[in-house]
Each structure stands twice: as C-alpha cells, then as structure tokens.
Amino acid sequence: MDSLLSFVAEPLAYGFMQRALLMSVLIAVVCSIFSCFLILKGWSLMGDAVSHAVLPGLAVAVVIGIPLAIGALIAGLFCAVATGYIKENSRVKEDAVMGIMFSGMFALGLVLLTKIETDIHLLHVLFGSVLGITNADLIEAGSIAILCSAIMLIKRKDLMLYCFDPAHASVIGLPVRLLHFGLLILLALTIVSSLKAAGIVLVIAMLIAPGAIGFILVRSFDRMLMIALSVSVFSCIVGTIVSFHLDAATAPLIVVIQACFFVLAMIFGKRRDTAKGLLNAT
C-alpha cells in the first residue's frame, strides 16, 4: 500500500506534473462527453477532419500575431462549415468531402509551418506536450474545456435527440439547424482546448474511444456518458502518472490505455451478447 501511495505521490511533487495531471483530467472530461455525441451522430470522421484542419489556422495565427487558439478555432469552423456547404451543393458524399477537406487543409498547414520561422514544434502540434503546459495554457484550455462540458451537459437531452434522430427532433420543435452548428462549434472548441495536451493526431482517439466503449457496454445514454467519463478520466490519470515513471510520452500512453479498454469492452460486450442469445434460445 505504501509503495502504491509513493508511486502516485512522487510525480505530484513537481509543479509540471501537477499541471499535466489537471490538464489531462480537464481534457478527459470534455473529450469523453463529446465523444458520446460523436458516436451517436456518426461524426467520427468529422472529428478527424476538424482536428487536422486547425493546422493552417495555427500557422496564420503566428504570422498575424493573434492567439493560437483563435486561429485554430477559425480554421476548424471553416472546415466544418465548408464541408457542410460542399455536401449540400454537390453529388459528392460527406465522407469523401471530409477526407478531401481535412487532408487539403492539413497539407496546407504543413507547407505554411515549414516556410514560417516560429517556435512552434511540429511534433508538439501533432502529438501534444502535456508536460510542457504552463499556467497560462492551463487557464486558457481549462476555461474552454469547462465551458464546453457545461454546455453539453446542460443541453445533453436536446443534443442526444438531434444526434440520434434529427427528423424527430425537428418535428417536436427543436432548433435542428442551431443544434447542428452549435455541435460543430463545440467540436472545434473541444479540439482547441485539447490541442496543446494531446495534439492534432492523438485528440482524435480521445474524442472517439470513450464514447465507443460506453456505446458497446450499455444502451442508456446517461450510463454511456458515465462509462465514457470514468474510462477517460481513469486513463488520463494513470497514463500521466505512469508516463513519469517510464519516462514515456504522456498523450500516446493515455491513448494506448484507452485502446486497451476498448478491446476489453469488445470482448466483454461480445460475451454478454452471446450469453443473452443462449438464454433466449433456451
């Protein structure tokens, strides 16, 4: 027991680890909540698209001297809105449009970053650097994460109905168009809040895995939300602490732990479905 307490307490003696752990938990909460809506809506590729599309926004923000979060948000929203517009005004399917948009904007961002003299490290942009979080980063990203989490929890019933059945949501009088664009804005804000900690590439997994695990294990949205939150927060706490002792990259380790939970959920869910099938047969 003492060794376990020492294992947990030792990293917390350092200020950078305290900030990393707090940031990880904040990111875990907002990403897990949003992942439930992404899974219900079938927007996994949209999360991929918006996360990659923020890269040129970061580059432009450096050039004109505005906060990186604003540049990333504008680029993410542009990608989401442009995807919807092209889909509605062409015969190309949405997944193809998203693939073209995010790969094109991601490539543009890479070109811009290679031509601009900046202190931004490309690997930190792609994979995050949660151990390098400053107090200012924590306040900025934490504020966005808390705001997004609060909005999604307060409006979870409306958002759930829109994601599950937009036609029914429209019939009962919900502002479907407002919910659609509100969800896109929340997606962009969630990615922006997670960018410095998880990076462009790894935030995709954190936006999908928790909700997918909850979706496999339960049939109630509130229970799905609780499982997603629990798995995400646990993964981030354990991943951050273990990465200190292993001297390993924090965000990738968190994603690995979430992937292990997903595999376990698949196995457990398959066994449960098999058991139910045998009971029904008898």
C-alpha atoms as a PDB file:
ATOM      1  CA  MET A   1       0.000   0.000   0.000  1.00  0.00           C
ATOM      2  CA  ASP A   2       2.824   2.381   0.890  1.00  0.00           C
ATOM      3  CA  SER A   3       4.572   1.630  -2.392  1.00  0.00           C
ATOM      4  CA  LEU A   4       1.379   2.441  -4.311  1.00  0.00           C
ATOM      5  CA  LEU A   5       0.974   5.741  -2.473  1.00  0.00           C
ATOM      6  CA  SER A   6       4.608   6.562  -3.188  1.00  0.00           C
ATOM      7  CA  PHE A   7       4.113   5.633  -6.854  1.00  0.00           C
ATOM      8  CA  VAL A   8       1.241   8.134  -7.102  1.00  0.00           C
ATOM      9  CA  ALA A   9       2.628  10.849  -4.839  1.00  0.00           C
ATOM     10  CA  GLU A  10       6.155  11.075  -6.246  1.00  0.00           C
ATOM     11  CA  PRO A  11       5.177  12.686  -9.581  1.00  0.00           C
ATOM     12  CA  LEU A  12       2.877  15.156  -7.798  1.00  0.00           C
ATOM     13  CA  ALA A  13       5.849  16.670  -6.007  1.00  0.00           C
ATOM     14  CA  TYR A  14       6.671  18.519  -9.231  1.00  0.00           C
ATOM     15  CA  GLY A  15       4.718  21.530 -10.454  1.00  0.00           C
ATOM     16  CA  PHE A  16       4.790  20.497 -14.104  1.00  0.00           C
ATOM     17  CA  MET A  17       3.266  17.119 -13.204  1.00  0.00           C
ATOM     18  CA  GLN A  18       0.513  18.783 -11.191  1.00  0.00           C
ATOM     19  CA  ARG A  19      -0.356  20.954 -14.185  1.00  0.00           C
ATOM     20  CA  ALA A  20      -0.148  17.976 -16.526  1.00  0.00           C
ATOM     21  CA  LEU A  21      -2.474  15.900 -14.360  1.00  0.00           C
ATOM     22  CA  LEU A  22      -5.031  18.699 -14.004  1.00  0.00           C
ATOM     23  CA  MET A  23      -4.929  19.407 -17.734  1.00  0.00           C
ATOM     24  CA  SER A  24      -5.300  15.704 -18.514  1.00  0.00           C
ATOM     25  CA  VAL A  25      -8.401  15.418 -16.325  1.00  0.00           C
ATOM     26  CA  LEU A  26      -9.995  18.531 -17.882  1.00  0.00           C
ATOM     27  CA  ILE A  27      -9.302  17.195 -21.375  1.00  0.00           C
ATOM     28  CA  ALA A  28     -10.605  13.767 -20.365  1.00  0.00           C
ATOM     29  CA  VAL A  29     -13.916  15.224 -19.217  1.00  0.00           C
ATOM     30  CA  VAL A  30     -14.652  17.395 -22.254  1.00  0.00           C
ATOM     31  CA  CYS A  31     -13.469  14.795 -24.801  1.00  0.00           C
ATOM     32  CA  SER A  32     -15.425  11.945 -23.185  1.00  0.00           C
ATOM     33  CA  ILE A  33     -18.653  13.957 -23.087  1.00  0.00           C
ATOM     34  CA  PHE A  34     -18.323  14.997 -26.706  1.00  0.00           C
ATOM     35  CA  SER A  35     -17.322  11.507 -27.815  1.00  0.00           C
ATOM     36  CA  CYS A  36     -20.777  10.217 -26.812  1.00  0.00           C
ATOM     37  CA  PHE A  37     -22.443  12.681 -29.184  1.00  0.00           C
ATOM     38  CA  LEU A  38     -19.908  11.966 -31.935  1.00  0.00           C
ATOM     39  CA  ILE A  39     -20.620   8.239 -31.742  1.00  0.00           C
ATOM     40  CA  LEU A  40     -24.413   8.734 -31.788  1.00  0.00           C
ATOM     41  CA  LYS A  41     -24.197  11.186 -34.693  1.00  0.00           C
ATOM     42  CA  GLY A  42     -21.686   9.090 -36.637  1.00  0.00           C
ATOM     43  CA  TRP A  43     -19.304  12.036 -36.851  1.00  0.00           C
ATOM     44  CA  SER A  44     -16.051  10.238 -36.072  1.00  0.00           C
ATOM     45  CA  LEU A  45     -14.560  11.340 -39.392  1.00  0.00           C
ATOM     46  CA  MET A  46     -15.771  14.897 -38.761  1.00  0.00           C
ATOM     47  CA  GLY A  47     -13.683  14.948 -35.579  1.00  0.00           C
ATOM     48  CA  ASP A  48     -10.719  13.722 -37.613  1.00  0.00           C
ATOM     49  CA  ALA A  49     -11.315  16.387 -40.242  1.00  0.00           C
ATOM     50  CA  VAL A  50     -11.634  19.333 -37.867  1.00  0.00           C
ATOM     51  CA  SER A  51      -8.627  18.286 -35.764  1.00  0.00           C
ATOM     52  CA  HIS A  52      -6.376  18.165 -38.840  1.00  0.00           C
ATOM     53  CA  ALA A  53      -7.861  21.328 -40.323  1.00  0.00           C
ATOM     54  CA  VAL A  54      -6.711  23.524 -37.423  1.00  0.00           C
ATOM     55  CA  LEU A  55      -3.067  23.332 -38.559  1.00  0.00           C
ATOM     56  CA  PRO A  56      -3.192  26.182 -41.135  1.00  0.00           C
ATOM     57  CA  GLY A  57      -5.064  28.250 -38.562  1.00  0.00           C
ATOM     58  CA  LEU A  58      -2.135  27.865 -36.173  1.00  0.00           C
ATOM     59  CA  ALA A  59       0.312  28.948 -38.872  1.00  0.00           C
ATOM     60  CA  VAL A  60      -1.732  32.016 -39.846  1.00  0.00           C
ATOM     61  CA  ALA A  61      -2.170  32.953 -36.177  1.00  0.00           C
ATOM     62  CA  VAL A  62       1.619  33.003 -35.775  1.00  0.00           C
ATOM     63  CA  VAL A  63       2.019  35.279 -38.812  1.00  0.00           C
ATOM     64  CA  ILE A  64      -0.571  37.889 -37.820  1.00  0.00           C
ATOM     65  CA  GLY A  65       0.189  37.682 -34.107  1.00  0.00           C
ATOM     66  CA  ILE A  66      -3.142  36.515 -32.661  1.00  0.00           C
ATOM     67  CA  PRO A  67      -3.615  33.760 -30.016  1.00  0.00           C
ATOM     68  CA  LEU A  68      -3.133  30.282 -31.454  1.00  0.00           C
ATOM     69  CA  ALA A  69      -6.499  29.171 -30.043  1.00  0.00           C
ATOM     70  CA  ILE A  70      -8.341  31.773 -32.131  1.00  0.00           C
ATOM     71  CA  GLY A  71      -6.567  30.742 -35.341  1.00  0.00           C
ATOM     72  CA  ALA A  72      -7.237  27.059 -34.657  1.00  0.00           C
ATOM     73  CA  LEU A  73     -10.912  27.743 -33.896  1.00  0.00           C
ATOM     74  CA  ILE A  74     -11.456  29.747 -37.074  1.00  0.00           C
ATOM     75  CA  ALA A  75      -9.758  27.096 -39.228  1.00  0.00           C
ATOM     76  CA  GLY A  76     -11.737  24.290 -37.580  1.00  0.00           C
ATOM     77  CA  LEU A  77     -15.051  26.083 -38.064  1.00  0.00           C
ATOM     78  CA  PHE A  78     -14.172  26.881 -41.680  1.00  0.00           C
ATOM     79  CA  CYS A  79     -13.528  23.201 -42.354  1.00  0.00           C
ATOM     80  CA  ALA A  80     -16.802  22.111 -40.740  1.00  0.00           C
ATOM     81  CA  VAL A  81     -18.942  24.754 -42.490  1.00  0.00           C
ATOM     82  CA  ALA A  82     -17.221  24.254 -45.847  1.00  0.00           C
ATOM     83  CA  THR A  83     -17.775  20.505 -45.586  1.00  0.00           C
ATOM     84  CA  GLY A  84     -21.499  21.018 -44.998  1.00  0.00           C
ATOM     85  CA  TYR A  85     -21.791  23.520 -47.858  1.00  0.00           C
ATOM     86  CA  ILE A  86     -19.990  21.309 -50.393  1.00  0.00           C
ATOM     87  CA  LYS A  87     -22.027  18.290 -49.342  1.00  0.00           C
ATOM     88  CA  GLU A  88     -25.313  20.162 -49.861  1.00  0.00           C
ATOM     89  CA  ASN A  89     -24.274  21.621 -53.212  1.00  0.00           C
ATOM     90  CA  SER A  90     -22.630  18.646 -54.918  1.00  0.00           C
ATOM     91  CA  ARG A  91     -23.153  14.949 -55.537  1.00  0.00           C
ATOM     92  CA  VAL A  92     -20.045  14.007 -53.553  1.00  0.00           C
ATOM     93  CA  LYS A  93     -20.790  12.111 -50.332  1.00  0.00           C
ATOM     94  CA  GLU A  94     -19.956  13.634 -46.965  1.00  0.00           C
ATOM     95  CA  ASP A  95     -17.147  11.220 -46.068  1.00  0.00           C
ATOM     96  CA  ALA A  96     -15.357  11.981 -49.341  1.00  0.00           C
ATOM     97  CA  VAL A  97     -15.765  15.731 -48.813  1.00  0.00           C
ATOM     98  CA  MET A  98     -14.378  15.496 -45.284  1.00  0.00           C
ATOM     99  CA  GLY A  99     -11.439  13.410 -46.498  1.00  0.00           C
ATOM    100  CA  ILE A 100     -10.568  15.992 -49.133  1.00  0.00           C
ATOM    101  CA  MET A 101     -11.056  18.960 -46.810  1.00  0.00           C
ATOM    102  CA  PHE A 102      -9.008  17.733 -43.867  1.00  0.00           C
ATOM    103  CA  SER A 103      -6.180  16.307 -45.971  1.00  0.00           C
ATOM    104  CA  GLY A 104      -6.002  19.500 -48.045  1.00  0.00           C
ATOM    105  CA  MET A 105      -6.013  21.840 -45.044  1.00  0.00           C
ATOM    106  CA  PHE A 106      -3.589  19.641 -43.121  1.00  0.00           C
ATOM    107  CA  ALA A 107      -1.184  19.665 -46.073  1.00  0.00           C
ATOM    108  CA  LEU A 108      -1.552  23.451 -46.378  1.00  0.00           C
ATOM    109  CA  GLY A 109      -0.715  23.794 -42.690  1.00  0.00           C
ATOM    110  CA  LEU A 110       2.413  21.679 -43.091  1.00  0.00           C
ATOM    111  CA  VAL A 111       3.557  23.827 -46.018  1.00  0.00           C
ATOM    112  CA  LEU A 112       2.965  27.043 -44.060  1.00  0.00           C
ATOM    113  CA  LEU A 113       4.755  25.827 -40.943  1.00  0.00           C
ATOM    114  CA  THR A 114       7.808  24.786 -42.952  1.00  0.00           C
ATOM    115  CA  LYS A 115       8.019  28.254 -44.531  1.00  0.00           C
ATOM    116  CA  ILE A 116       7.384  30.288 -41.372  1.00  0.00           C
ATOM    117  CA  GLU A 117      10.039  30.955 -38.746  1.00  0.00           C
ATOM    118  CA  THR A 118       8.318  30.055 -35.479  1.00  0.00           C
ATOM    119  CA  ASP A 119       8.990  28.497 -32.101  1.00  0.00           C
ATOM    120  CA  ILE A 120       6.124  26.041 -32.648  1.00  0.00           C
ATOM    121  CA  HIS A 121       7.498  22.489 -32.738  1.00  0.00           C
ATOM    122  CA  LEU A 122       5.703  20.355 -35.323  1.00  0.00           C
ATOM    123  CA  LEU A 123       5.866  17.225 -33.159  1.00  0.00           C
ATOM    124  CA  HIS A 124       4.216  19.108 -30.285  1.00  0.00           C
ATOM    125  CA  VAL A 125       1.448  20.228 -32.631  1.00  0.00           C
ATOM    126  CA  LEU A 126       0.881  16.703 -33.916  1.00  0.00           C
ATOM    127  CA  PHE A 127       1.226  14.750 -30.663  1.00  0.00           C
ATOM    128  CA  GLY A 128       0.885  17.324 -27.902  1.00  0.00           C
ATOM    129  CA  SER A 129       3.133  18.143 -24.966  1.00  0.00           C
ATOM    130  CA  VAL A 130       1.107  17.935 -21.776  1.00  0.00           C
ATOM    131  CA  LEU A 131       4.236  18.027 -19.598  1.00  0.00           C
ATOM    132  CA  GLY A 132       5.105  21.414 -21.091  1.00  0.00           C
ATOM    133  CA  ILE A 133       1.808  23.033 -20.106  1.00  0.00           C
ATOM    134  CA  THR A 134       2.193  26.445 -18.465  1.00  0.00           C
ATOM    135  CA  ASN A 135      -0.202  28.109 -16.042  1.00  0.00           C
ATOM    136  CA  ALA A 136      -1.452  30.349 -18.859  1.00  0.00           C
ATOM    137  CA  ASP A 137      -2.086  27.301 -21.069  1.00  0.00           C
ATOM    138  CA  LEU A 138      -3.926  25.611 -18.214  1.00  0.00           C
ATOM    139  CA  ILE A 139      -6.187  28.611 -17.637  1.00  0.00           C
ATOM    140  CA  GLU A 140      -6.906  29.091 -21.351  1.00  0.00           C
ATOM    141  CA  ALA A 141      -7.559  25.454 -22.251  1.00  0.00           C
ATOM    142  CA  GLY A 142      -9.228  24.687 -18.933  1.00  0.00           C
ATOM    143  CA  SER A 143     -11.692  27.550 -19.334  1.00  0.00           C
ATOM    144  CA  ILE A 144     -12.680  26.349 -22.798  1.00  0.00           C
ATOM    145  CA  ALA A 145     -12.985  22.737 -21.614  1.00  0.00           C
ATOM    146  CA  ILE A 146     -15.150  23.659 -18.615  1.00  0.00           C
ATOM    147  CA  LEU A 147     -17.399  25.886 -20.751  1.00  0.00           C
ATOM    148  CA  CYS A 148     -17.900  23.196 -23.414  1.00  0.00           C
ATOM    149  CA  SER A 149     -18.522  20.496 -20.799  1.00  0.00           C
ATOM    150  CA  ALA A 150     -21.134  22.617 -19.018  1.00  0.00           C
ATOM    151  CA  ILE A 151     -22.991  23.438 -22.249  1.00  0.00           C
ATOM    152  CA  MET A 152     -23.060  19.802 -23.384  1.00  0.00           C
ATOM    153  CA  LEU A 153     -24.267  18.529 -20.010  1.00  0.00           C
ATOM    154  CA  ILE A 154     -26.974  21.188 -19.717  1.00  0.00           C
ATOM    155  CA  LYS A 155     -28.233  20.611 -23.286  1.00  0.00           C
ATOM    156  CA  ARG A 156     -27.481  16.884 -23.390  1.00  0.00           C
ATOM    157  CA  LYS A 157     -31.113  15.813 -23.940  1.00  0.00           C
ATOM    158  CA  ASP A 158     -31.603  18.115 -26.928  1.00  0.00           C
ATOM    159  CA  LEU A 159     -28.213  17.211 -28.378  1.00  0.00           C
ATOM    160  CA  MET A 160     -28.834  13.499 -27.809  1.00  0.00           C
ATOM    161  CA  LEU A 161     -32.180  13.603 -29.627  1.00  0.00           C
ATOM    162  CA  TYR A 162     -30.679  15.585 -32.507  1.00  0.00           C
ATOM    163  CA  CYS A 163     -27.781  13.143 -32.847  1.00  0.00           C
ATOM    164  CA  PHE A 164     -29.992  10.063 -32.584  1.00  0.00           C
ATOM    165  CA  ASP A 165     -32.964  11.206 -34.721  1.00  0.00           C
ATOM    166  CA  PRO A 166     -32.753  14.682 -36.352  1.00  0.00           C
ATOM    167  CA  ALA A 167     -36.126  14.226 -38.073  1.00  0.00           C
ATOM    168  CA  HIS A 168     -37.930  13.591 -34.780  1.00  0.00           C
ATOM    169  CA  ALA A 169     -36.069  16.493 -33.159  1.00  0.00           C
ATOM    170  CA  SER A 170     -37.326  18.773 -35.930  1.00  0.00           C
ATOM    171  CA  VAL A 171     -40.917  17.516 -35.599  1.00  0.00           C
ATOM    172  CA  ILE A 172     -41.109  18.283 -31.878  1.00  0.00           C
ATOM    173  CA  GLY A 173     -39.816  21.801 -32.475  1.00  0.00           C
ATOM    174  CA  LEU A 174     -36.149  21.653 -31.571  1.00  0.00           C
ATOM    175  CA  PRO A 175     -33.914  24.150 -33.441  1.00  0.00           C
ATOM    176  CA  VAL A 176     -32.152  21.491 -35.500  1.00  0.00           C
ATOM    177  CA  ARG A 177     -30.031  23.900 -37.549  1.00  0.00           C
ATOM    178  CA  LEU A 178     -28.896  25.702 -34.402  1.00  0.00           C
ATOM    179  CA  LEU A 179     -28.046  22.386 -32.729  1.00  0.00           C
ATOM    180  CA  HIS A 180     -26.126  21.299 -35.837  1.00  0.00           C
ATOM    181  CA  PHE A 181     -23.896  24.361 -35.951  1.00  0.00           C
ATOM    182  CA  GLY A 182     -23.706  24.513 -32.172  1.00  0.00           C
ATOM    183  CA  LEU A 183     -22.329  20.968 -32.172  1.00  0.00           C
ATOM    184  CA  LEU A 184     -19.764  21.918 -34.813  1.00  0.00           C
ATOM    185  CA  ILE A 185     -18.661  24.922 -32.758  1.00  0.00           C
ATOM    186  CA  LEU A 186     -18.384  22.763 -29.641  1.00  0.00           C
ATOM    187  CA  LEU A 187     -16.340  20.233 -31.619  1.00  0.00           C
ATOM    188  CA  ALA A 188     -13.912  22.923 -32.756  1.00  0.00           C
ATOM    189  CA  LEU A 189     -13.654  24.355 -29.222  1.00  0.00           C
ATOM    190  CA  THR A 190     -13.089  20.895 -27.719  1.00  0.00           C
ATOM    191  CA  ILE A 191     -10.263  20.223 -30.161  1.00  0.00           C
ATOM    192  CA  VAL A 192      -8.734  23.637 -29.471  1.00  0.00           C
ATOM    193  CA  SER A 193      -8.808  23.007 -25.705  1.00  0.00           C
ATOM    194  CA  SER A 194      -7.116  19.627 -26.188  1.00  0.00           C
ATOM    195  CA  LEU A 195      -4.576  20.702 -28.773  1.00  0.00           C
ATOM    196  CA  LYS A 196      -1.595  21.561 -26.558  1.00  0.00           C
ATOM    197  CA  ALA A 197      -2.048  18.488 -24.378  1.00  0.00           C
ATOM    198  CA  ALA A 198      -2.940  15.784 -26.916  1.00  0.00           C
ATOM    199  CA  GLY A 199      -2.013  17.256 -30.294  1.00  0.00           C
ATOM    200  CA  ILE A 200      -3.811  17.039 -33.613  1.00  0.00           C
ATOM    201  CA  VAL A 201      -3.353  13.304 -34.142  1.00  0.00           C
ATOM    202  CA  LEU A 202      -3.994  11.882 -30.672  1.00  0.00           C
ATOM    203  CA  VAL A 203      -7.021  14.043 -29.842  1.00  0.00           C
ATOM    204  CA  ILE A 204      -8.965  12.022 -32.428  1.00  0.00           C
ATOM    205  CA  ALA A 205      -8.638   8.873 -30.324  1.00  0.00           C
ATOM    206  CA  MET A 206      -9.623  10.739 -27.161  1.00  0.00           C
ATOM    207  CA  LEU A 207     -12.717  12.032 -28.979  1.00  0.00           C
ATOM    208  CA  ILE A 208     -13.827   8.586 -30.154  1.00  0.00           C
ATOM    209  CA  ALA A 209     -12.666   5.818 -27.793  1.00  0.00           C
ATOM    210  CA  PRO A 210     -14.556   6.762 -24.569  1.00  0.00           C
ATOM    211  CA  GLY A 211     -17.928   7.088 -26.311  1.00  0.00           C
ATOM    212  CA  ALA A 212     -17.350   3.926 -28.318  1.00  0.00           C
ATOM    213  CA  ILE A 213     -16.604   1.985 -25.123  1.00  0.00           C
ATOM    214  CA  GLY A 214     -19.772   3.252 -23.472  1.00  0.00           C
ATOM    215  CA  PHE A 215     -21.827   2.525 -26.595  1.00  0.00           C
ATOM    216  CA  ILE A 216     -20.634  -1.093 -26.638  1.00  0.00           C
ATOM    217  CA  LEU A 217     -21.349  -1.751 -22.969  1.00  0.00           C
ATOM    218  CA  VAL A 218     -24.714  -0.069 -22.294  1.00  0.00           C
ATOM    219  CA  ARG A 219     -27.905   1.045 -24.033  1.00  0.00           C
ATOM    220  CA  SER A 220     -28.747   4.104 -21.923  1.00  0.00           C
ATOM    221  CA  PHE A 221     -27.223   7.446 -22.903  1.00  0.00           C
ATOM    222  CA  ASP A 222     -26.696   8.585 -19.299  1.00  0.00           C
ATOM    223  CA  ARG A 223     -24.911   5.306 -18.491  1.00  0.00           C
ATOM    224  CA  MET A 224     -22.913   5.620 -21.693  1.00  0.00           C
ATOM    225  CA  LEU A 225     -21.886   9.087 -20.565  1.00  0.00           C
ATOM    226  CA  MET A 226     -20.820   7.855 -17.125  1.00  0.00           C
ATOM    227  CA  ILE A 227     -18.756   4.997 -18.553  1.00  0.00           C
ATOM    228  CA  ALA A 228     -17.093   7.298 -21.074  1.00  0.00           C
ATOM    229  CA  LEU A 229     -16.244   9.801 -18.341  1.00  0.00           C
ATOM    230  CA  SER A 230     -14.912   7.125 -15.988  1.00  0.00           C
ATOM    231  CA  VAL A 231     -12.754   5.425 -18.612  1.00  0.00           C
ATOM    232  CA  SER A 232     -11.381   8.696 -19.957  1.00  0.00           C
ATOM    233  CA  VAL A 233     -10.533  10.225 -16.573  1.00  0.00           C
ATOM    234  CA  PHE A 234      -9.000   6.962 -15.299  1.00  0.00           C
ATOM    235  CA  SER A 235      -6.915   6.577 -18.475  1.00  0.00           C
ATOM    236  CA  CYS A 236      -5.627  10.132 -18.282  1.00  0.00           C
ATOM    237  CA  ILE A 237      -4.705   9.928 -14.582  1.00  0.00           C
ATOM    238  CA  VAL A 238      -2.998   6.544 -14.902  1.00  0.00           C
ATOM    239  CA  GLY A 239      -1.327   7.461 -18.205  1.00  0.00           C
ATOM    240  CA  THR A 240       0.082  10.710 -16.808  1.00  0.00           C
ATOM    241  CA  ILE A 241       1.468   9.098 -13.650  1.00  0.00           C
ATOM    242  CA  VAL A 242       2.852   6.009 -15.373  1.00  0.00           C
ATOM    243  CA  SER A 243       4.481   8.105 -18.115  1.00  0.00           C
ATOM    244  CA  PHE A 244       6.501   9.900 -15.399  1.00  0.00           C
ATOM    245  CA  HIS A 245       7.914   6.636 -14.066  1.00  0.00           C
ATOM    246  CA  LEU A 246       8.515   5.130 -17.514  1.00  0.00           C
ATOM    247  CA  ASP A 247       9.880   8.373 -18.965  1.00  0.00           C
ATOM    248  CA  ALA A 248       7.442   7.884 -21.850  1.00  0.00           C
ATOM    249  CA  ALA A 249       5.296  10.266 -23.908  1.00  0.00           C
ATOM    250  CA  THR A 250       2.158  11.033 -21.910  1.00  0.00           C
ATOM    251  CA  ALA A 251      -0.558  11.561 -24.529  1.00  0.00           C
ATOM    252  CA  PRO A 252       0.317   8.425 -26.567  1.00  0.00           C
ATOM    253  CA  LEU A 253       0.321   6.347 -23.369  1.00  0.00           C
ATOM    254  CA  ILE A 254      -3.141   7.660 -22.475  1.00  0.00           C
ATOM    255  CA  VAL A 255      -4.408   6.664 -25.918  1.00  0.00           C
ATOM    256  CA  VAL A 256      -2.862   3.193 -25.554  1.00  0.00           C
ATOM    257  CA  ILE A 257      -4.689   2.693 -22.248  1.00  0.00           C
ATOM    258  CA  GLN A 258      -7.984   3.796 -23.836  1.00  0.00           C
ATOM    259  CA  ALA A 259      -7.389   1.394 -26.723  1.00  0.00           C
ATOM    260  CA  CYS A 260      -6.899  -1.441 -24.216  1.00  0.00           C
ATOM    261  CA  PHE A 261     -10.191  -0.527 -22.555  1.00  0.00           C
ATOM    262  CA  PHE A 262     -11.864  -0.607 -25.976  1.00  0.00           C
ATOM    263  CA  VAL A 263     -10.547  -4.122 -26.663  1.00  0.00           C
ATOM    264  CA  LEU A 264     -11.774  -5.273 -23.242  1.00  0.00           C
ATOM    265  CA  ALA A 265     -15.171  -3.699 -23.908  1.00  0.00           C
ATOM    266  CA  MET A 266     -15.396  -5.513 -27.232  1.00  0.00           C
ATOM    267  CA  ILE A 267     -14.600  -8.856 -25.574  1.00  0.00           C
ATOM    268  CA  PHE A 268     -16.967  -8.284 -22.661  1.00  0.00           C
ATOM    269  CA  GLY A 269     -19.749  -6.987 -24.938  1.00  0.00           C
ATOM    270  CA  LYS A 270     -19.419  -9.972 -27.281  1.00  0.00           C
ATOM    271  CA  ARG A 271     -19.570 -12.448 -24.388  1.00  0.00           C
ATOM    272  CA  ARG A 272     -22.597 -10.689 -22.943  1.00  0.00           C
ATOM    273  CA  ASP A 273     -24.425 -10.749 -26.280  1.00  0.00           C
ATOM    274  CA  THR A 274     -23.555 -14.447 -26.691  1.00  0.00           C
ATOM    275  CA  ALA A 275     -24.883 -15.220 -23.211  1.00  0.00           C
ATOM    276  CA  LYS A 276     -28.115 -13.357 -23.945  1.00  0.00           C
ATOM    277  CA  GLY A 277     -28.511 -15.250 -27.193  1.00  0.00           C
ATOM    278  CA  LEU A 278     -28.137 -18.603 -25.415  1.00  0.00           C
ATOM    279  CA  LEU A 279     -30.681 -17.584 -22.761  1.00  0.00           C
ATOM    280  CA  ASN A 280     -33.178 -16.504 -25.397  1.00  0.00           C
ATOM    281  CA  ALA A 281     -32.666 -19.763 -27.299  1.00  0.00           C
ATOM    282  CA  THR A 282     -33.498 -21.790 -24.209  1.00  0.00           C
END
